[in-house]
Amino acid sequence: MMRRRVCFSLLVALSLALAACPPAPRTVEVYRKDGLHFSHFSDWKISEDRTFPPSRKVREVILHGPDNALLIVLCVPETSSMSVESFAASMAKGRAEAIKKKLGVGPLTAGEETGGKSQATIAKIAGEESAGIQQTFVLEMLGQKVPHQASYFMLHTGGLKLMITAQVATRHLEATRPGWQQVFDTLAIDG
């Protein structure tokens, strides 16, 4: 019995000591693959880097950050007719359809069937001002309404159009912006 108490006390002390340790400092990591490169904070992770068959001319890189933040870079040929407006509209429509399919309900905010309200926005990407589209929408999950923001931008570089999506719950927007900006500032295509 005494041995159990000592072991329990040691486990509690170890747990408290570990809880008191500060988290590892955030560092900057460089991602470089097939000509695309950028830097990102170490608490952001690349979850996917894939090309789309059969043409293999479209590439998608997805980064996930803290608080379920999302950053997507879609590389399409410069000759594509895609504009930032059509890209934002397509993403909103896809989001609404995915929500309906997954949850078996509509987009969850009455009157906003295509993903919410849109307005113009600007971000500095690769050293230049980039005009974009910002959408706000509400997801209702488990009885709670969670406002979100998604911004869409287009960058012409290296013979490609880079279509960029940055999305997060509105309550985490200010904490997420530096992570997005780290990628925006360093985003480039070789050649």
N, C-alpha and C. Protein backbone atom coordinates (compact mmCIF):
# COMPACT_ATOMS: atom_id res chain seq x y z
N MET A 1 0.82 -1.19 0.00
CA MET A 1 0.00 0.00 0.00
C MET A 1 0.87 1.25 0.00
N MET A 2 1.92 1.22 0.78
CA MET A 2 2.82 2.36 0.85
C MET A 2 3.50 2.59 -0.50
N ARG A 3 3.86 1.49 -1.14
CA ARG A 3 4.54 1.58 -2.43
C ARG A 3 3.62 2.25 -3.47
N ARG A 4 2.32 1.93 -3.45
CA ARG A 4 1.36 2.54 -4.37
C ARG A 4 1.28 4.04 -4.14
N ARG A 5 1.23 4.47 -2.89
CA ARG A 5 1.15 5.89 -2.58
C ARG A 5 2.39 6.62 -3.07
N VAL A 6 3.55 6.03 -2.89
CA VAL A 6 4.80 6.65 -3.33
C VAL A 6 4.79 6.76 -4.86
N CYS A 7 4.40 5.70 -5.54
CA CYS A 7 4.35 5.72 -7.00
C CYS A 7 3.35 6.76 -7.49
N PHE A 8 2.18 6.79 -6.85
CA PHE A 8 1.18 7.77 -7.22
C PHE A 8 1.70 9.19 -7.00
N SER A 9 2.34 9.44 -5.88
CA SER A 9 2.90 10.75 -5.58
C SER A 9 3.96 11.15 -6.60
N LEU A 10 4.79 10.19 -7.00
CA LEU A 10 5.81 10.48 -8.01
C LEU A 10 5.19 10.80 -9.35
N LEU A 11 4.13 10.08 -9.72
CA LEU A 11 3.45 10.35 -10.98
C LEU A 11 2.81 11.74 -10.98
N VAL A 12 2.19 12.10 -9.86
CA VAL A 12 1.59 13.43 -9.75
C VAL A 12 2.66 14.50 -9.84
N ALA A 13 3.77 14.32 -9.13
CA ALA A 13 4.86 15.30 -9.17
C ALA A 13 5.44 15.43 -10.57
N LEU A 14 5.62 14.31 -11.27
CA LEU A 14 6.14 14.34 -12.63
C LEU A 14 5.16 15.04 -13.56
N SER A 15 3.89 14.76 -13.42
CA SER A 15 2.87 15.41 -14.26
C SER A 15 2.87 16.92 -14.06
N LEU A 16 2.95 17.35 -12.80
CA LEU A 16 2.99 18.78 -12.51
C LEU A 16 4.24 19.43 -13.06
N ALA A 17 5.37 18.75 -12.97
CA ALA A 17 6.63 19.29 -13.50
C ALA A 17 6.56 19.44 -15.01
N LEU A 18 5.99 18.44 -15.68
CA LEU A 18 5.87 18.51 -17.14
C LEU A 18 4.90 19.59 -17.56
N ALA A 19 3.83 19.76 -16.81
CA ALA A 19 2.85 20.79 -17.13
C ALA A 19 3.44 22.18 -16.96
N ALA A 20 4.39 22.33 -16.07
CA ALA A 20 5.00 23.63 -15.83
C ALA A 20 6.05 23.99 -16.87
N CYS A 21 6.50 23.03 -17.67
CA CYS A 21 7.52 23.29 -18.69
C CYS A 21 6.91 24.14 -19.80
N PRO A 22 7.61 25.17 -20.23
CA PRO A 22 7.08 25.97 -21.32
C PRO A 22 7.11 25.17 -22.61
N PRO A 23 6.20 25.49 -23.54
CA PRO A 23 6.21 24.78 -24.82
C PRO A 23 7.49 25.09 -25.58
N ALA A 24 7.83 24.21 -26.50
CA ALA A 24 9.03 24.43 -27.31
C ALA A 24 8.86 25.74 -28.09
N PRO A 25 9.93 26.51 -28.22
CA PRO A 25 9.82 27.78 -28.95
C PRO A 25 9.48 27.53 -30.42
N ARG A 26 8.69 28.44 -30.97
CA ARG A 26 8.30 28.34 -32.37
C ARG A 26 9.48 28.77 -33.23
N THR A 27 9.79 27.96 -34.23
CA THR A 27 10.88 28.28 -35.14
C THR A 27 10.32 28.44 -36.55
N VAL A 28 11.18 28.82 -37.47
CA VAL A 28 10.79 28.95 -38.87
C VAL A 28 11.40 27.80 -39.65
N GLU A 29 10.58 27.11 -40.43
CA GLU A 29 11.02 26.01 -41.26
C GLU A 29 10.84 26.38 -42.73
N VAL A 30 11.68 25.84 -43.59
CA VAL A 30 11.60 26.10 -45.02
C VAL A 30 11.06 24.87 -45.73
N TYR A 31 10.07 25.10 -46.59
CA TYR A 31 9.53 24.03 -47.42
C TYR A 31 9.96 24.28 -48.85
N ARG A 32 10.57 23.30 -49.47
CA ARG A 32 11.04 23.43 -50.84
C ARG A 32 10.82 22.09 -51.53
N LYS A 33 9.99 22.11 -52.59
CA LYS A 33 9.74 20.89 -53.34
C LYS A 33 9.28 21.24 -54.75
N ASP A 34 9.90 20.63 -55.73
CA ASP A 34 9.52 20.79 -57.14
C ASP A 34 9.35 22.26 -57.54
N GLY A 35 10.27 23.11 -57.09
CA GLY A 35 10.27 24.51 -57.50
C GLY A 35 9.46 25.45 -56.62
N LEU A 36 8.53 24.93 -55.84
CA LEU A 36 7.74 25.77 -54.94
C LEU A 36 8.46 25.86 -53.61
N HIS A 37 8.58 27.07 -53.07
CA HIS A 37 9.20 27.18 -51.75
C HIS A 37 8.61 28.35 -50.97
N PHE A 38 8.65 28.19 -49.65
CA PHE A 38 8.19 29.20 -48.71
C PHE A 38 8.67 28.78 -47.34
N SER A 39 8.58 29.68 -46.40
CA SER A 39 8.89 29.32 -45.02
C SER A 39 7.60 29.41 -44.20
N HIS A 40 7.56 28.62 -43.14
CA HIS A 40 6.38 28.60 -42.27
C HIS A 40 6.83 28.34 -40.84
N PHE A 41 5.99 28.71 -39.90
CA PHE A 41 6.30 28.46 -38.49
C PHE A 41 6.21 26.96 -38.20
N SER A 42 6.98 26.53 -37.22
CA SER A 42 7.08 25.10 -36.90
C SER A 42 5.77 24.51 -36.37
N ASP A 43 4.84 25.36 -35.92
CA ASP A 43 3.55 24.82 -35.47
C ASP A 43 2.53 24.73 -36.62
N TRP A 44 2.99 24.99 -37.84
CA TRP A 44 2.21 24.75 -39.05
C TRP A 44 2.78 23.51 -39.72
N LYS A 45 1.93 22.64 -40.21
CA LYS A 45 2.37 21.39 -40.81
C LYS A 45 1.81 21.23 -42.22
N ILE A 46 2.65 20.76 -43.13
CA ILE A 46 2.21 20.44 -44.48
C ILE A 46 1.47 19.10 -44.40
N SER A 47 0.19 19.09 -44.73
CA SER A 47 -0.56 17.84 -44.67
C SER A 47 -0.67 17.18 -46.03
N GLU A 48 -0.47 17.98 -47.09
CA GLU A 48 -0.60 17.39 -48.41
C GLU A 48 0.16 18.23 -49.43
N ASP A 49 0.78 17.56 -50.38
CA ASP A 49 1.39 18.19 -51.55
C ASP A 49 1.17 17.20 -52.68
N ARG A 50 0.19 17.49 -53.52
CA ARG A 50 -0.17 16.51 -54.55
C ARG A 50 -0.48 17.21 -55.87
N THR A 51 -0.35 16.44 -56.93
CA THR A 51 -0.76 16.90 -58.25
C THR A 51 -2.01 16.14 -58.65
N PHE A 52 -2.78 16.77 -59.53
CA PHE A 52 -4.03 16.16 -59.94
C PHE A 52 -3.88 15.47 -61.29
N PRO A 53 -4.17 14.16 -61.33
CA PRO A 53 -4.17 13.44 -62.60
C PRO A 53 -5.40 13.85 -63.40
N PRO A 54 -5.50 13.60 -64.68
CA PRO A 54 -4.47 12.96 -65.48
C PRO A 54 -3.42 13.94 -66.00
N SER A 55 -3.72 15.22 -66.03
CA SER A 55 -2.79 16.17 -66.65
C SER A 55 -1.58 16.45 -65.77
N ARG A 56 -1.74 16.31 -64.46
CA ARG A 56 -0.69 16.59 -63.49
C ARG A 56 -0.18 18.03 -63.61
N LYS A 57 -1.04 18.91 -64.11
CA LYS A 57 -0.66 20.32 -64.26
C LYS A 57 -1.16 21.17 -63.10
N VAL A 58 -1.98 20.60 -62.25
CA VAL A 58 -2.51 21.32 -61.10
C VAL A 58 -1.91 20.70 -59.84
N ARG A 59 -1.41 21.56 -58.98
CA ARG A 59 -0.77 21.10 -57.75
C ARG A 59 -1.43 21.79 -56.56
N GLU A 60 -1.61 21.03 -55.48
CA GLU A 60 -2.23 21.56 -54.27
C GLU A 60 -1.33 21.27 -53.08
N VAL A 61 -1.02 22.32 -52.32
CA VAL A 61 -0.24 22.19 -51.08
C VAL A 61 -1.13 22.71 -49.96
N ILE A 62 -1.32 21.88 -48.92
CA ILE A 62 -2.19 22.25 -47.80
C ILE A 62 -1.38 22.30 -46.52
N LEU A 63 -1.49 23.42 -45.81
CA LEU A 63 -0.86 23.59 -44.50
C LEU A 63 -1.94 23.74 -43.45
N HIS A 64 -1.74 23.07 -42.32
CA HIS A 64 -2.64 23.20 -41.17
C HIS A 64 -1.88 23.87 -40.04
N GLY A 65 -2.53 24.86 -39.43
CA GLY A 65 -1.91 25.57 -38.32
C GLY A 65 -2.68 25.38 -37.04
N PRO A 66 -2.23 26.09 -36.00
CA PRO A 66 -2.94 26.01 -34.72
C PRO A 66 -4.40 26.46 -34.87
N ASP A 67 -5.24 25.98 -34.00
CA ASP A 67 -6.66 26.35 -33.95
C ASP A 67 -7.38 26.03 -35.26
N ASN A 68 -6.97 24.95 -35.92
CA ASN A 68 -7.59 24.49 -37.17
C ASN A 68 -7.49 25.51 -38.30
N ALA A 69 -6.46 26.35 -38.25
CA ALA A 69 -6.22 27.30 -39.34
C ALA A 69 -5.78 26.52 -40.57
N LEU A 70 -6.07 27.08 -41.71
CA LEU A 70 -5.81 26.39 -42.96
C LEU A 70 -5.21 27.37 -43.97
N LEU A 71 -4.23 26.91 -44.73
CA LEU A 71 -3.66 27.67 -45.83
C LEU A 71 -3.46 26.70 -46.98
N ILE A 72 -4.05 27.02 -48.13
CA ILE A 72 -3.95 26.17 -49.31
C ILE A 72 -3.33 26.97 -50.44
N VAL A 73 -2.35 26.39 -51.12
CA VAL A 73 -1.76 26.98 -52.32
C VAL A 73 -2.08 26.03 -53.46
N LEU A 74 -2.83 26.53 -54.44
CA LEU A 74 -3.21 25.75 -55.61
C LEU A 74 -2.46 26.35 -56.80
N CYS A 75 -1.61 25.56 -57.44
CA CYS A 75 -0.81 26.01 -58.58
C CYS A 75 -1.50 25.54 -59.85
N VAL A 76 -1.89 26.48 -60.71
CA VAL A 76 -2.54 26.15 -61.98
C VAL A 76 -1.77 26.84 -63.11
N PRO A 77 -1.87 26.32 -64.33
CA PRO A 77 -1.18 26.96 -65.44
C PRO A 77 -1.63 28.42 -65.63
N GLU A 78 -0.71 29.26 -66.05
CA GLU A 78 -1.03 30.67 -66.30
C GLU A 78 -2.14 30.81 -67.33
N THR A 79 -2.24 29.86 -68.24
CA THR A 79 -3.26 29.91 -69.29
C THR A 79 -4.66 29.58 -68.78
N SER A 80 -4.78 29.15 -67.55
CA SER A 80 -6.09 28.85 -66.97
C SER A 80 -6.95 30.10 -66.96
N SER A 81 -8.23 29.94 -67.20
CA SER A 81 -9.16 31.08 -67.18
C SER A 81 -9.60 31.45 -65.76
N MET A 82 -9.12 30.73 -64.78
CA MET A 82 -9.53 30.96 -63.39
C MET A 82 -9.12 32.36 -62.92
N SER A 83 -10.07 33.06 -62.31
CA SER A 83 -9.81 34.36 -61.68
C SER A 83 -9.98 34.20 -60.18
N VAL A 84 -9.55 35.18 -59.43
CA VAL A 84 -9.71 35.09 -57.98
C VAL A 84 -11.20 35.08 -57.61
N GLU A 85 -12.02 35.79 -58.39
CA GLU A 85 -13.46 35.81 -58.14
C GLU A 85 -14.09 34.44 -58.39
N SER A 86 -13.74 33.82 -59.52
CA SER A 86 -14.32 32.51 -59.81
C SER A 86 -13.79 31.45 -58.84
N PHE A 87 -12.54 31.59 -58.42
CA PHE A 87 -11.96 30.68 -57.45
C PHE A 87 -12.69 30.78 -56.11
N ALA A 88 -12.91 32.01 -55.62
CA ALA A 88 -13.61 32.22 -54.35
C ALA A 88 -15.03 31.68 -54.42
N ALA A 89 -15.72 31.92 -55.54
CA ALA A 89 -17.09 31.43 -55.70
C ALA A 89 -17.12 29.90 -55.71
N SER A 90 -16.16 29.30 -56.38
CA SER A 90 -16.07 27.84 -56.45
C SER A 90 -15.80 27.24 -55.07
N MET A 91 -14.91 27.86 -54.32
CA MET A 91 -14.60 27.38 -52.97
C MET A 91 -15.82 27.48 -52.06
N ALA A 92 -16.55 28.60 -52.15
CA ALA A 92 -17.75 28.78 -51.33
C ALA A 92 -18.80 27.73 -51.67
N LYS A 93 -18.98 27.48 -52.96
CA LYS A 93 -19.96 26.48 -53.39
C LYS A 93 -19.53 25.09 -52.90
N GLY A 94 -18.25 24.77 -53.05
CA GLY A 94 -17.75 23.48 -52.59
C GLY A 94 -17.89 23.31 -51.09
N ARG A 95 -17.64 24.39 -50.36
CA ARG A 95 -17.77 24.34 -48.89
C ARG A 95 -19.22 24.06 -48.51
N ALA A 96 -20.16 24.74 -49.15
CA ALA A 96 -21.58 24.55 -48.84
C ALA A 96 -22.02 23.12 -49.17
N GLU A 97 -21.56 22.60 -50.30
CA GLU A 97 -21.92 21.23 -50.68
C GLU A 97 -21.30 20.21 -49.73
N ALA A 98 -20.05 20.44 -49.31
CA ALA A 98 -19.40 19.52 -48.37
C ALA A 98 -20.11 19.50 -47.03
N ILE A 99 -20.53 20.67 -46.57
CA ILE A 99 -21.26 20.75 -45.30
C ILE A 99 -22.58 19.99 -45.41
N LYS A 100 -23.27 20.22 -46.50
CA LYS A 100 -24.55 19.55 -46.70
C LYS A 100 -24.37 18.03 -46.75
N LYS A 101 -23.35 17.58 -47.47
CA LYS A 101 -23.11 16.14 -47.61
C LYS A 101 -22.69 15.52 -46.28
N LYS A 102 -21.79 16.19 -45.56
CA LYS A 102 -21.27 15.63 -44.32
C LYS A 102 -22.31 15.63 -43.21
N LEU A 103 -23.05 16.73 -43.10
CA LEU A 103 -23.98 16.87 -41.99
C LEU A 103 -25.43 16.57 -42.36
N GLY A 104 -25.70 16.46 -43.66
CA GLY A 104 -27.06 16.19 -44.09
C GLY A 104 -27.98 17.37 -43.93
N VAL A 105 -27.40 18.56 -43.85
CA VAL A 105 -28.19 19.77 -43.72
C VAL A 105 -27.64 20.81 -44.68
N GLY A 106 -28.30 21.95 -44.74
CA GLY A 106 -27.85 23.04 -45.60
C GLY A 106 -26.61 23.70 -45.04
N PRO A 107 -26.22 24.82 -45.64
CA PRO A 107 -25.01 25.51 -45.23
C PRO A 107 -25.04 26.07 -43.82
N LEU A 108 -26.17 25.92 -43.14
CA LEU A 108 -26.26 26.21 -41.72
C LEU A 108 -26.46 27.66 -41.35
N THR A 109 -26.44 28.54 -42.30
CA THR A 109 -26.74 29.94 -42.02
C THR A 109 -27.74 30.39 -43.08
N ALA A 110 -28.95 30.63 -42.68
CA ALA A 110 -30.02 30.94 -43.62
C ALA A 110 -29.63 32.11 -44.51
N GLY A 111 -29.93 31.98 -45.80
CA GLY A 111 -29.69 33.06 -46.74
C GLY A 111 -28.26 33.13 -47.24
N GLU A 112 -27.40 32.23 -46.82
CA GLU A 112 -26.00 32.28 -47.24
C GLU A 112 -25.62 30.95 -47.85
N GLU A 113 -26.42 30.52 -48.83
CA GLU A 113 -26.26 29.18 -49.40
C GLU A 113 -24.92 28.94 -50.09
N THR A 114 -24.21 29.98 -50.52
CA THR A 114 -22.95 29.76 -51.22
C THR A 114 -21.75 30.07 -50.35
N GLY A 115 -21.92 30.10 -49.05
CA GLY A 115 -20.75 30.20 -48.19
C GLY A 115 -20.59 31.51 -47.48
N GLY A 116 -21.58 32.38 -47.46
CA GLY A 116 -21.46 33.58 -46.65
C GLY A 116 -21.36 34.86 -47.45
N LYS A 117 -20.96 35.91 -46.76
CA LYS A 117 -20.85 37.24 -47.35
C LYS A 117 -19.44 37.46 -47.86
N SER A 118 -19.32 38.19 -48.97
CA SER A 118 -18.02 38.44 -49.57
C SER A 118 -17.73 39.93 -49.62
N GLN A 119 -16.43 40.26 -49.55
CA GLN A 119 -15.99 41.64 -49.73
C GLN A 119 -14.55 41.62 -50.22
N ALA A 120 -14.12 42.74 -50.75
CA ALA A 120 -12.74 42.85 -51.24
C ALA A 120 -11.78 42.94 -50.07
N THR A 121 -10.57 42.43 -50.28
CA THR A 121 -9.52 42.51 -49.27
C THR A 121 -8.18 42.63 -49.97
N ILE A 122 -7.14 42.97 -49.23
CA ILE A 122 -5.80 43.09 -49.79
C ILE A 122 -4.82 42.44 -48.82
N ALA A 123 -3.82 41.77 -49.37
CA ALA A 123 -2.73 41.21 -48.56
C ALA A 123 -1.42 41.45 -49.31
N LYS A 124 -0.35 41.50 -48.55
CA LYS A 124 0.97 41.60 -49.16
C LYS A 124 1.50 40.19 -49.33
N ILE A 125 1.69 39.79 -50.60
CA ILE A 125 2.15 38.44 -50.92
C ILE A 125 3.35 38.56 -51.85
N ALA A 126 4.45 37.91 -51.48
CA ALA A 126 5.68 37.93 -52.27
C ALA A 126 6.12 39.37 -52.57
N GLY A 127 5.95 40.24 -51.58
CA GLY A 127 6.40 41.62 -51.70
C GLY A 127 5.48 42.55 -52.46
N GLU A 128 4.33 42.08 -52.90
CA GLU A 128 3.41 42.91 -53.67
C GLU A 128 2.02 42.91 -53.05
N GLU A 129 1.30 44.02 -53.23
CA GLU A 129 -0.09 44.09 -52.80
C GLU A 129 -0.91 43.18 -53.71
N SER A 130 -1.71 42.33 -53.13
CA SER A 130 -2.53 41.41 -53.88
C SER A 130 -3.99 41.59 -53.50
N ALA A 131 -4.83 41.93 -54.48
CA ALA A 131 -6.26 42.08 -54.24
C ALA A 131 -6.89 40.70 -54.13
N GLY A 132 -7.83 40.58 -53.22
CA GLY A 132 -8.47 39.28 -53.03
C GLY A 132 -9.92 39.41 -52.63
N ILE A 133 -10.50 38.29 -52.30
CA ILE A 133 -11.89 38.19 -51.86
C ILE A 133 -11.90 37.60 -50.46
N GLN A 134 -12.62 38.23 -49.56
CA GLN A 134 -12.76 37.72 -48.20
C GLN A 134 -14.21 37.31 -47.98
N GLN A 135 -14.40 36.10 -47.48
CA GLN A 135 -15.74 35.59 -47.20
C GLN A 135 -15.88 35.34 -45.71
N THR A 136 -17.03 35.70 -45.17
CA THR A 136 -17.35 35.34 -43.79
C THR A 136 -18.56 34.42 -43.84
N PHE A 137 -18.53 33.42 -43.01
CA PHE A 137 -19.62 32.46 -42.97
C PHE A 137 -19.67 31.86 -41.58
N VAL A 138 -20.80 31.23 -41.27
CA VAL A 138 -20.99 30.63 -39.95
C VAL A 138 -21.23 29.14 -40.13
N LEU A 139 -20.48 28.36 -39.39
CA LEU A 139 -20.73 26.93 -39.32
C LEU A 139 -21.40 26.64 -37.99
N GLU A 140 -22.44 25.87 -38.01
CA GLU A 140 -23.11 25.47 -36.77
C GLU A 140 -22.84 24.00 -36.56
N MET A 141 -22.12 23.71 -35.49
CA MET A 141 -21.78 22.33 -35.19
C MET A 141 -22.05 22.06 -33.72
N LEU A 142 -22.70 20.95 -33.47
CA LEU A 142 -23.04 20.55 -32.10
C LEU A 142 -23.78 21.66 -31.37
N GLY A 143 -24.64 22.35 -32.10
CA GLY A 143 -25.46 23.39 -31.50
C GLY A 143 -24.77 24.73 -31.28
N GLN A 144 -23.53 24.86 -31.70
CA GLN A 144 -22.82 26.12 -31.54
C GLN A 144 -22.52 26.74 -32.90
N LYS A 145 -22.75 28.03 -33.01
CA LYS A 145 -22.44 28.76 -34.24
C LYS A 145 -21.01 29.28 -34.13
N VAL A 146 -20.20 28.95 -35.14
CA VAL A 146 -18.79 29.33 -35.14
C VAL A 146 -18.51 30.17 -36.39
N PRO A 147 -18.39 31.50 -36.22
CA PRO A 147 -18.06 32.35 -37.37
C PRO A 147 -16.66 32.03 -37.90
N HIS A 148 -16.53 32.04 -39.23
CA HIS A 148 -15.27 31.76 -39.91
C HIS A 148 -14.98 32.86 -40.92
N GLN A 149 -13.72 32.95 -41.29
CA GLN A 149 -13.32 33.85 -42.37
C GLN A 149 -12.40 33.09 -43.31
N ALA A 150 -12.62 33.26 -44.59
CA ALA A 150 -11.74 32.69 -45.61
C ALA A 150 -11.38 33.81 -46.58
N SER A 151 -10.10 33.90 -46.93
CA SER A 151 -9.63 34.89 -47.90
C SER A 151 -8.97 34.16 -49.05
N TYR A 152 -9.16 34.72 -50.25
CA TYR A 152 -8.65 34.11 -51.47
C TYR A 152 -7.83 35.14 -52.25
N PHE A 153 -6.67 34.72 -52.71
CA PHE A 153 -5.77 35.60 -53.45
C PHE A 153 -5.20 34.85 -54.64
N MET A 154 -4.69 35.62 -55.62
CA MET A 154 -4.04 35.02 -56.78
C MET A 154 -2.70 35.73 -57.00
N LEU A 155 -1.66 34.93 -57.20
CA LEU A 155 -0.32 35.44 -57.46
C LEU A 155 0.15 34.86 -58.79
N HIS A 156 0.63 35.72 -59.68
CA HIS A 156 1.21 35.28 -60.96
C HIS A 156 2.71 35.18 -60.77
N THR A 157 3.27 33.98 -60.92
CA THR A 157 4.72 33.81 -60.77
C THR A 157 5.17 32.52 -61.44
N GLY A 158 6.36 32.53 -62.00
CA GLY A 158 6.95 31.33 -62.57
C GLY A 158 6.10 30.66 -63.63
N GLY A 159 5.33 31.43 -64.41
CA GLY A 159 4.48 30.85 -65.44
C GLY A 159 3.23 30.17 -64.89
N LEU A 160 2.92 30.42 -63.62
CA LEU A 160 1.75 29.81 -62.98
C LEU A 160 0.88 30.86 -62.31
N LYS A 161 -0.34 30.47 -62.05
CA LYS A 161 -1.21 31.23 -61.15
C LYS A 161 -1.22 30.46 -59.84
N LEU A 162 -0.91 31.12 -58.75
CA LEU A 162 -1.03 30.51 -57.43
C LEU A 162 -2.31 31.03 -56.82
N MET A 163 -3.26 30.13 -56.61
CA MET A 163 -4.52 30.48 -55.98
C MET A 163 -4.37 30.13 -54.50
N ILE A 164 -4.54 31.12 -53.64
CA ILE A 164 -4.24 30.96 -52.22
C ILE A 164 -5.52 31.09 -51.40
N THR A 165 -5.74 30.15 -50.50
CA THR A 165 -6.87 30.18 -49.57
C THR A 165 -6.31 30.23 -48.15
N ALA A 166 -6.81 31.16 -47.34
CA ALA A 166 -6.45 31.26 -45.92
C ALA A 166 -7.75 31.27 -45.13
N GLN A 167 -7.94 30.28 -44.25
CA GLN A 167 -9.22 30.14 -43.54
C GLN A 167 -9.02 29.79 -42.08
N VAL A 168 -9.84 30.38 -41.21
CA VAL A 168 -9.79 30.08 -39.78
C VAL A 168 -11.08 30.58 -39.12
N ALA A 169 -11.40 30.05 -37.96
CA ALA A 169 -12.51 30.58 -37.16
C ALA A 169 -12.17 32.02 -36.79
N THR A 170 -13.13 32.91 -36.87
CA THR A 170 -12.91 34.34 -36.65
C THR A 170 -12.26 34.61 -35.30
N ARG A 171 -12.60 33.86 -34.28
CA ARG A 171 -12.03 34.11 -32.95
C ARG A 171 -10.53 33.86 -32.90
N HIS A 172 -9.98 33.13 -33.87
CA HIS A 172 -8.55 32.85 -33.91
C HIS A 172 -7.82 33.65 -35.00
N LEU A 173 -8.54 34.59 -35.62
CA LEU A 173 -8.00 35.32 -36.77
C LEU A 173 -6.72 36.08 -36.43
N GLU A 174 -6.71 36.86 -35.38
CA GLU A 174 -5.53 37.68 -35.06
C GLU A 174 -4.32 36.82 -34.72
N ALA A 175 -4.53 35.71 -34.03
CA ALA A 175 -3.41 34.82 -33.69
C ALA A 175 -2.89 34.08 -34.91
N THR A 176 -3.73 33.91 -35.93
CA THR A 176 -3.36 33.16 -37.13
C THR A 176 -2.66 34.00 -38.18
N ARG A 177 -2.97 35.29 -38.25
CA ARG A 177 -2.41 36.16 -39.30
C ARG A 177 -0.89 36.08 -39.43
N PRO A 178 -0.12 36.09 -38.33
CA PRO A 178 1.34 36.00 -38.50
C PRO A 178 1.79 34.70 -39.20
N GLY A 179 1.10 33.60 -38.97
CA GLY A 179 1.43 32.34 -39.64
C GLY A 179 1.17 32.42 -41.13
N TRP A 180 0.04 33.01 -41.51
CA TRP A 180 -0.24 33.21 -42.93
C TRP A 180 0.80 34.12 -43.55
N GLN A 181 1.10 35.23 -42.85
CA GLN A 181 2.00 36.22 -43.42
C GLN A 181 3.40 35.65 -43.62
N GLN A 182 3.83 34.76 -42.74
CA GLN A 182 5.15 34.12 -42.90
C GLN A 182 5.21 33.41 -44.24
N VAL A 183 4.17 32.71 -44.61
CA VAL A 183 4.12 32.02 -45.91
C VAL A 183 4.00 33.05 -47.03
N PHE A 184 3.10 34.02 -46.89
CA PHE A 184 2.90 35.05 -47.92
C PHE A 184 4.21 35.76 -48.27
N ASP A 185 4.99 36.10 -47.24
CA ASP A 185 6.22 36.88 -47.46
C ASP A 185 7.28 36.10 -48.22
N THR A 186 7.25 34.78 -48.16
CA THR A 186 8.33 33.97 -48.71
C THR A 186 7.90 33.08 -49.87
N LEU A 187 6.65 33.14 -50.26
CA LEU A 187 6.12 32.27 -51.29
C LEU A 187 6.75 32.59 -52.65
N ALA A 188 7.30 31.55 -53.31
CA ALA A 188 7.95 31.75 -54.62
C ALA A 188 7.99 30.44 -55.39
N ILE A 189 8.11 30.59 -56.71
CA ILE A 189 8.29 29.47 -57.64
C ILE A 189 9.62 29.70 -58.35
N ASP A 190 10.45 28.69 -58.41
CA ASP A 190 11.71 28.79 -59.15
C ASP A 190 11.42 28.74 -60.65
N GLY A 191 12.19 29.54 -61.40
CA GLY A 191 12.16 29.47 -62.86
C GLY A 191 10.88 29.97 -63.45
